[in-house]
Amino acid sequence: MEESERKLNDYARSRKNILTLDEKTNVLNQTFTEYSTALTKAEQEVIKTDSDYEAIRTAPDTSRQVLESKTIQDYKAQISKLDQDYQEAAKVYKDDFPKMKQLRAQMDELNGRIKAEVQSILASVRNQAQIDQAAREPDSHPAAADARRNHVRPRTAAWTSTCSSARWTPTASCTTACCSR
């Protein structure tokens, strides 16, 4: 008995394409873990970008992306300087004086630029949310195409197997876990 086991193990080692039950289990577990990790990461990214989008949409002045924007910070610094100049000039001139109108127009222009920049950030976050959502969809992810091509049936919440036996074994044409029908 020991002699035949030793011969079997020697033969299995000499043929690298033979998997023992433990190796099959490891491949399956590794594949499942990789898919599960990728799904979790994608879901977290979708949640984060959706949250960022809502924060910018509802309260743009307090959202992280707007507060961290160097462009918006520069515009606000310029507005602050113009507002100081306006307050100083208001001590001497009336509101309809040309210098006062010019200062007000400059501040209005900068406020318009800030609004445009906020809209740009909002569009960027919206696009990122759509990309993250699309990446989460099995059909749009490159791994999904590989999985379909190789008949891989990962067992995750996002992907379902049509295999009634739910047995997973490698095949000759595929090095990953495939559904055996």
Protein backbone atom coordinates (compact mmCIF):
# COMPACT_ATOMS: atom_id res chain seq x y z
CA MET A 1 0.00 0.00 0.00
CA GLU A 2 2.75 2.48 0.97
CA GLU A 3 4.72 1.53 -2.13
CA SER A 4 1.75 2.25 -4.43
CA GLU A 5 1.08 5.59 -2.68
CA ARG A 6 4.72 6.56 -3.08
CA LYS A 7 4.60 5.65 -6.78
CA LEU A 8 1.39 7.62 -7.21
CA ASN A 9 2.92 10.69 -5.52
CA ASP A 10 6.09 10.38 -7.62
CA TYR A 11 4.01 10.14 -10.77
CA ALA A 12 1.89 13.15 -9.73
CA ARG A 13 5.04 15.22 -9.08
CA SER A 14 6.50 14.26 -12.46
CA ARG A 15 3.26 15.38 -14.18
CA LYS A 16 2.73 18.96 -13.11
CA ASN A 17 -0.77 19.19 -14.59
CA ILE A 18 -2.25 16.67 -12.14
CA LEU A 19 -3.91 18.22 -9.14
CA THR A 20 -4.61 16.49 -5.90
CA LEU A 21 -7.83 17.17 -4.05
CA ASP A 22 -6.04 19.61 -1.74
CA GLU A 23 -4.60 21.53 -4.68
CA LYS A 24 -8.06 21.72 -6.29
CA THR A 25 -9.48 23.07 -3.09
CA ASN A 26 -6.70 25.66 -2.87
CA VAL A 27 -7.33 26.81 -6.45
CA LEU A 28 -11.05 27.10 -5.78
CA ASN A 29 -10.56 28.94 -2.51
CA GLN A 30 -8.03 31.29 -4.06
CA THR A 31 -10.33 32.04 -7.01
CA PHE A 32 -13.29 32.61 -4.74
CA THR A 33 -11.24 34.86 -2.44
CA GLU A 34 -9.99 36.92 -5.40
CA TYR A 35 -13.51 37.44 -6.75
CA SER A 36 -14.91 38.19 -3.32
CA THR A 37 -12.16 40.73 -2.62
CA ALA A 38 -12.66 42.40 -6.01
CA LEU A 39 -16.42 42.59 -5.46
CA THR A 40 -16.03 44.09 -1.99
CA LYS A 41 -13.56 46.67 -3.27
CA ALA A 42 -15.86 47.61 -6.15
CA GLU A 43 -18.84 47.96 -3.82
CA GLN A 44 -16.82 50.19 -1.46
CA GLU A 45 -15.73 52.40 -4.36
CA VAL A 46 -19.33 52.73 -5.57
CA ILE A 47 -20.53 53.67 -2.10
CA LYS A 48 -17.71 56.22 -1.68
CA THR A 49 -18.26 57.90 -5.04
CA ASP A 50 -22.03 57.98 -4.52
CA SER A 51 -21.46 59.58 -1.12
CA ASP A 52 -19.03 62.11 -2.60
CA TYR A 53 -21.50 62.97 -5.36
CA GLU A 54 -24.34 63.53 -2.90
CA ALA A 55 -22.10 65.67 -0.65
CA ILE A 56 -21.12 67.92 -3.55
CA ARG A 57 -24.66 68.09 -4.91
CA THR A 58 -26.31 68.98 -1.61
CA ALA A 59 -23.62 71.12 0.05
CA PRO A 60 -20.89 72.06 -2.42
CA ASP A 61 -19.23 74.60 -0.13
CA THR A 62 -18.46 71.98 2.52
CA SER A 63 -17.57 68.97 0.37
CA ARG A 64 -14.06 67.58 0.56
CA GLN A 65 -13.31 67.88 -3.17
CA VAL A 66 -14.39 71.52 -3.30
CA LEU A 67 -12.53 72.45 -0.12
CA GLU A 68 -9.36 70.77 -1.39
CA SER A 69 -9.54 72.35 -4.86
CA LYS A 70 -6.53 74.61 -5.35
CA THR A 71 -8.35 76.51 -8.10
CA ILE A 72 -11.32 77.29 -5.88
CA GLN A 73 -9.01 78.29 -3.02
CA ASP A 74 -7.24 80.73 -5.35
CA TYR A 75 -10.55 82.20 -6.54
CA LYS A 76 -11.76 82.64 -2.96
CA ALA A 77 -8.50 84.36 -1.99
CA GLN A 78 -8.94 86.75 -4.92
CA ILE A 79 -12.54 87.42 -3.92
CA SER A 80 -11.44 88.12 -0.35
CA LYS A 81 -8.87 90.65 -1.58
CA LEU A 82 -11.43 92.29 -3.90
CA ASP A 83 -13.97 92.42 -1.06
CA GLN A 84 -11.44 94.23 1.15
CA ASP A 85 -10.80 96.71 -1.66
CA TYR A 86 -14.54 97.13 -2.10
CA GLN A 87 -15.07 97.81 1.62
CA GLU A 88 -12.29 100.41 1.60
CA ALA A 89 -13.65 102.06 -1.52
CA ALA A 90 -17.18 102.04 -0.06
CA LYS A 91 -15.96 104.48 2.60
CA VAL A 92 -15.25 107.03 -0.14
CA TYR A 93 -17.48 106.11 -3.12
CA LYS A 94 -21.14 105.25 -3.64
CA ASP A 95 -22.20 101.86 -5.06
CA ASP A 96 -22.83 103.21 -8.56
CA PHE A 97 -19.34 104.72 -8.90
CA PRO A 98 -17.37 103.08 -11.77
CA LYS A 99 -14.61 101.74 -9.48
CA MET A 100 -17.24 100.13 -7.23
CA LYS A 101 -19.01 98.60 -10.24
CA GLN A 102 -15.70 97.26 -11.53
CA LEU A 103 -14.85 95.63 -8.18
CA ARG A 104 -18.34 94.12 -7.93
CA ALA A 105 -18.07 92.79 -11.52
CA GLN A 106 -14.71 91.18 -10.76
CA MET A 107 -16.12 89.48 -7.66
CA ASP A 108 -19.16 88.30 -9.62
CA GLU A 109 -16.92 86.89 -12.35
CA LEU A 110 -14.85 84.97 -9.79
CA ASN A 111 -18.02 83.65 -8.12
CA GLY A 112 -19.13 82.43 -11.56
CA ARG A 113 -15.79 80.69 -12.04
CA ILE A 114 -16.18 79.02 -8.64
CA LYS A 115 -19.64 77.77 -9.61
CA ALA A 116 -18.26 76.45 -12.91
CA GLU A 117 -15.42 74.69 -11.07
CA VAL A 118 -17.89 73.14 -8.61
CA GLN A 119 -19.97 71.91 -11.55
CA SER A 120 -16.81 70.47 -13.11
CA ILE A 121 -15.96 68.64 -9.87
CA LEU A 122 -19.56 67.40 -9.63
CA ALA A 123 -19.44 66.09 -13.20
CA SER A 124 -16.11 64.41 -12.52
CA VAL A 125 -17.44 62.67 -9.40
CA ARG A 126 -20.64 61.68 -11.25
CA ASN A 127 -18.56 60.18 -14.07
CA GLN A 128 -16.39 58.33 -11.57
CA ALA A 129 -19.51 56.98 -9.86
CA GLN A 130 -20.81 55.73 -13.20
CA ILE A 131 -17.45 54.12 -14.00
CA ASP A 132 -17.33 52.45 -10.59
CA GLN A 133 -20.91 51.24 -11.00
CA ALA A 134 -20.14 49.88 -14.46
CA ALA A 135 -16.99 48.16 -13.17
CA ARG A 136 -19.12 46.49 -10.53
CA GLU A 137 -21.38 45.01 -13.19
CA PRO A 138 -20.05 41.56 -14.09
CA ASP A 139 -20.53 42.03 -17.85
CA SER A 140 -18.45 45.21 -18.02
CA HIS A 141 -15.44 43.98 -16.04
CA PRO A 142 -12.53 42.41 -17.95
CA ALA A 143 -12.49 39.50 -15.51
CA ALA A 144 -16.11 38.80 -16.40
CA ALA A 145 -15.22 38.37 -20.07
CA ASP A 146 -12.40 36.00 -19.06
CA ALA A 147 -14.77 34.14 -16.79
CA ARG A 148 -17.36 33.70 -19.53
CA ARG A 149 -14.70 32.71 -22.05
CA ASN A 150 -13.26 30.10 -19.66
CA HIS A 151 -16.63 29.07 -18.25
CA VAL A 152 -15.62 30.24 -14.79
CA ARG A 153 -18.54 30.39 -12.40
CA PRO A 154 -17.36 32.35 -9.35
CA ARG A 155 -19.59 31.96 -6.33
CA THR A 156 -20.29 35.51 -5.22
CA ALA A 157 -23.44 37.49 -4.58
CA ALA A 158 -23.01 39.45 -7.83
CA TRP A 159 -22.49 36.39 -10.04
CA THR A 160 -24.67 33.33 -9.96
CA SER A 161 -24.00 29.87 -11.26
CA THR A 162 -26.50 28.01 -13.36
CA CYS A 163 -24.92 24.74 -12.38
CA SER A 164 -27.45 22.63 -10.51
CA SER A 165 -24.82 20.44 -8.91
CA ALA A 166 -22.71 23.41 -7.77
CA ARG A 167 -19.58 21.25 -8.10
CA TRP A 168 -16.44 23.05 -9.11
CA THR A 169 -13.55 21.30 -10.83
CA PRO A 170 -10.76 22.41 -13.16
CA THR A 171 -10.92 21.35 -16.79
CA ALA A 172 -8.18 20.66 -19.32
CA SER A 173 -8.88 23.92 -21.17
CA CYS A 174 -8.95 26.12 -18.09
CA THR A 175 -6.42 26.62 -15.32
CA THR A 176 -8.96 28.22 -13.00
CA ALA A 177 -12.02 26.74 -11.34
CA CYS A 178 -14.78 25.99 -13.83
CA CYS A 179 -18.28 24.78 -13.47
CA SER A 180 -18.59 21.09 -14.35
CA ARG A 181 -21.94 20.41 -15.95
